[in-house]
Amino acid sequence: MSEQNNKALVLFSGGQDSTTCLYWAKKQFNTVEALGFRYGQKHDVELRQAEIIAAQAQVPFRVLDITGMLQGSALTEHDKAMAAPHELNENLPASFVPGRNAVFLTIATS
């Protein structure tokens, strides 16, 4: 693999899944960077934890603020109850953020 192709960008929330991906990437690639998103979520404990984990892993971590781009969820709209069903689909939790991962991927690849 060429040096140019031996880089990875990990979309990093600080949760179990993305932490596993971060450490996997460190083993597979010479250069790893982590990217998180502040999108107006009620709790930013995940981003604080992501900063700690990235520092421990010695991986540069950047947070992009995209507050206001994602709406329609109890996770981003502070007047909505987390325990209620989602307004677009009662089978989804109120914390579901429509299109969140697609937006993250689109931004990361640009």
C-alpha atoms as a PDB file:
ATOM      1  CA  MET A   1       0.000   0.000   0.000  1.00  0.00           C
ATOM      2  CA  SER A   2       1.400   3.395  -0.937  1.00  0.00           C
ATOM      3  CA  GLU A   3       2.015   6.033   1.708  1.00  0.00           C
ATOM      4  CA  GLN A   4      -0.824   8.112   0.258  1.00  0.00           C
ATOM      5  CA  ASN A   5      -3.243   5.204   0.637  1.00  0.00           C
ATOM      6  CA  ASN A   6      -1.993   4.271   4.075  1.00  0.00           C
ATOM      7  CA  LYS A   7      -4.129   6.860   5.848  1.00  0.00           C
ATOM      8  CA  ALA A   8      -7.453   6.510   7.632  1.00  0.00           C
ATOM      9  CA  LEU A   9     -10.079   8.950   8.825  1.00  0.00           C
ATOM     10  CA  VAL A  10     -12.255   7.501  11.577  1.00  0.00           C
ATOM     11  CA  LEU A  11     -15.647   9.070  12.245  1.00  0.00           C
ATOM     12  CA  PHE A  12     -15.342   9.035  16.004  1.00  0.00           C
ATOM     13  CA  SER A  13     -18.087   9.470  18.586  1.00  0.00           C
ATOM     14  CA  GLY A  14     -16.242   8.032  21.572  1.00  0.00           C
ATOM     15  CA  GLY A  15     -18.643   5.095  21.834  1.00  0.00           C
ATOM     16  CA  GLN A  16     -17.701   1.419  21.817  1.00  0.00           C
ATOM     17  CA  ASP A  17     -18.080   0.890  18.073  1.00  0.00           C
ATOM     18  CA  SER A  18     -16.052   3.878  16.952  1.00  0.00           C
ATOM     19  CA  THR A  19     -13.396   3.240  19.624  1.00  0.00           C
ATOM     20  CA  THR A  20     -12.983  -0.276  18.257  1.00  0.00           C
ATOM     21  CA  CYS A  21     -12.683   1.188  14.747  1.00  0.00           C
ATOM     22  CA  LEU A  22     -10.116   3.722  15.942  1.00  0.00           C
ATOM     23  CA  TYR A  23      -7.831   1.069  17.427  1.00  0.00           C
ATOM     24  CA  TRP A  24      -8.338  -1.215  14.423  1.00  0.00           C
ATOM     25  CA  ALA A  25      -7.324   1.642  12.123  1.00  0.00           C
ATOM     26  CA  LYS A  26      -4.205   2.296  14.216  1.00  0.00           C
ATOM     27  CA  LYS A  27      -3.114  -1.294  13.579  1.00  0.00           C
ATOM     28  CA  GLN A  28      -3.902  -1.184   9.863  1.00  0.00           C
ATOM     29  CA  PHE A  29      -2.752   2.281   8.762  1.00  0.00           C
ATOM     30  CA  ASN A  30       0.347   4.427   9.245  1.00  0.00           C
ATOM     31  CA  THR A  31      -1.603   7.653   9.684  1.00  0.00           C
ATOM     32  CA  VAL A  32      -4.938   7.857  11.494  1.00  0.00           C
ATOM     33  CA  GLU A  33      -7.047  10.905  12.258  1.00  0.00           C
ATOM     34  CA  ALA A  34     -10.384  11.050  14.041  1.00  0.00           C
ATOM     35  CA  LEU A  35     -13.335  13.300  13.271  1.00  0.00           C
ATOM     36  CA  GLY A  36     -16.305  13.984  15.523  1.00  0.00           C
ATOM     37  CA  PHE A  37     -19.418  16.063  15.046  1.00  0.00           C
ATOM     38  CA  ARG A  38     -21.228  18.489  17.312  1.00  0.00           C
ATOM     39  CA  TYR A  39     -24.712  18.548  15.859  1.00  0.00           C
ATOM     40  CA  GLY A  40     -26.720  20.006  18.721  1.00  0.00           C
ATOM     41  CA  GLN A  41     -27.046  16.766  20.654  1.00  0.00           C
ATOM     42  CA  LYS A  42     -28.350  17.236  24.178  1.00  0.00           C
ATOM     43  CA  HIS A  43     -25.449  15.464  25.814  1.00  0.00           C
ATOM     44  CA  ASP A  44     -21.894  16.106  24.741  1.00  0.00           C
ATOM     45  CA  VAL A  45     -20.402  13.570  27.158  1.00  0.00           C
ATOM     46  CA  GLU A  46     -19.576  11.388  24.149  1.00  0.00           C
ATOM     47  CA  LEU A  47     -17.466  14.136  22.580  1.00  0.00           C
ATOM     48  CA  ARG A  48     -15.622  14.730  25.846  1.00  0.00           C
ATOM     49  CA  GLN A  49     -14.956  10.995  26.091  1.00  0.00           C
ATOM     50  CA  ALA A  50     -13.866  10.924  22.445  1.00  0.00           C
ATOM     51  CA  GLU A  51     -11.266  13.611  23.174  1.00  0.00           C
ATOM     52  CA  ILE A  52      -9.885  11.539  26.053  1.00  0.00           C
ATOM     53  CA  ILE A  53      -9.776   8.296  24.059  1.00  0.00           C
ATOM     54  CA  ALA A  54      -8.181   9.940  21.019  1.00  0.00           C
ATOM     55  CA  ALA A  55      -5.509  11.503  23.236  1.00  0.00           C
ATOM     56  CA  GLN A  56      -4.807   8.130  24.871  1.00  0.00           C
ATOM     57  CA  ALA A  57      -4.559   6.542  21.409  1.00  0.00           C
ATOM     58  CA  GLN A  58      -2.320   9.413  20.254  1.00  0.00           C
ATOM     59  CA  VAL A  59      -4.630  10.151  17.337  1.00  0.00           C
ATOM     60  CA  PRO A  60      -5.391  13.736  16.256  1.00  0.00           C
ATOM     61  CA  PHE A  61      -9.072  14.483  16.890  1.00  0.00           C
ATOM     62  CA  ARG A  62     -11.084  17.303  15.365  1.00  0.00           C
ATOM     63  CA  VAL A  63     -14.713  18.201  16.049  1.00  0.00           C
ATOM     64  CA  LEU A  64     -16.829  19.919  13.397  1.00  0.00           C
ATOM     65  CA  ASP A  65     -19.802  21.933  14.593  1.00  0.00           C
ATOM     66  CA  ILE A  66     -22.787  21.280  12.326  1.00  0.00           C
ATOM     67  CA  THR A  67     -25.419  22.387  14.834  1.00  0.00           C
ATOM     68  CA  GLY A  68     -28.712  23.117  13.093  1.00  0.00           C
ATOM     69  CA  MET A  69     -28.109  20.811  10.127  1.00  0.00           C
ATOM     70  CA  LEU A  70     -29.848  17.823  11.728  1.00  0.00           C
ATOM     71  CA  GLN A  71     -33.328  18.160  13.152  1.00  0.00           C
ATOM     72  CA  GLY A  72     -36.409  16.108  13.906  1.00  0.00           C
ATOM     73  CA  SER A  73     -35.112  14.216  16.919  1.00  0.00           C
ATOM     74  CA  ALA A  74     -35.374  14.382  20.690  1.00  0.00           C
ATOM     75  CA  LEU A  75     -31.589  14.137  20.678  1.00  0.00           C
ATOM     76  CA  THR A  76     -31.249  17.516  18.951  1.00  0.00           C
ATOM     77  CA  GLU A  77     -34.446  19.330  19.907  1.00  0.00           C
ATOM     78  CA  HIS A  78     -34.439  20.117  23.585  1.00  0.00           C
ATOM     79  CA  ASP A  79     -38.210  20.487  23.902  1.00  0.00           C
ATOM     80  CA  LYS A  80     -38.862  16.865  22.820  1.00  0.00           C
ATOM     81  CA  ALA A  81     -39.097  14.038  25.331  1.00  0.00           C
ATOM     82  CA  MET A  82     -36.601  11.200  24.907  1.00  0.00           C
ATOM     83  CA  ALA A  83     -39.136   8.594  26.068  1.00  0.00           C
ATOM     84  CA  ALA A  84     -41.712   9.453  23.386  1.00  0.00           C
ATOM     85  CA  PRO A  85     -41.850   7.674  20.025  1.00  0.00           C
ATOM     86  CA  HIS A  86     -40.270   9.407  17.042  1.00  0.00           C
ATOM     87  CA  GLU A  87     -42.635  11.878  15.339  1.00  0.00           C
ATOM     88  CA  LEU A  88     -41.955  10.397  11.866  1.00  0.00           C
ATOM     89  CA  ASN A  89     -42.252   6.731  12.846  1.00  0.00           C
ATOM     90  CA  GLU A  90     -43.643   5.438  16.121  1.00  0.00           C
ATOM     91  CA  ASN A  91     -41.482   2.313  15.796  1.00  0.00           C
ATOM     92  CA  LEU A  92     -38.318   4.413  16.096  1.00  0.00           C
ATOM     93  CA  PRO A  93     -36.995   5.914  19.332  1.00  0.00           C
ATOM     94  CA  ALA A  94     -37.386   9.660  19.745  1.00  0.00           C
ATOM     95  CA  SER A  95     -33.580   9.915  19.812  1.00  0.00           C
ATOM     96  CA  PHE A  96     -33.282   8.699  16.187  1.00  0.00           C
ATOM     97  CA  VAL A  97     -31.678  11.418  14.041  1.00  0.00           C
ATOM     98  CA  PRO A  98     -32.797  10.978  10.413  1.00  0.00           C
ATOM     99  CA  GLY A  99     -29.906  10.953   7.947  1.00  0.00           C
ATOM    100  CA  ARG A 100     -27.258  11.581  10.605  1.00  0.00           C
ATOM    101  CA  ASN A 101     -24.702   9.047   9.414  1.00  0.00           C
ATOM    102  CA  ALA A 102     -25.238   9.948   5.750  1.00  0.00           C
ATOM    103  CA  VAL A 103     -24.529  13.603   6.577  1.00  0.00           C
ATOM    104  CA  PHE A 104     -21.420  12.632   8.561  1.00  0.00           C
ATOM    105  CA  LEU A 105     -20.095  10.492   5.695  1.00  0.00           C
ATOM    106  CA  THR A 106     -20.817  13.186   3.121  1.00  0.00           C
ATOM    107  CA  ILE A 107     -18.941  15.808   5.122  1.00  0.00           C
ATOM    108  CA  ALA A 108     -16.035  13.468   5.888  1.00  0.00           C
ATOM    109  CA  THR A 109     -15.518  12.557   2.245  1.00  0.00           C
ATOM    110  CA  SER A 110     -15.599  16.142   1.000  1.00  0.00           C
END
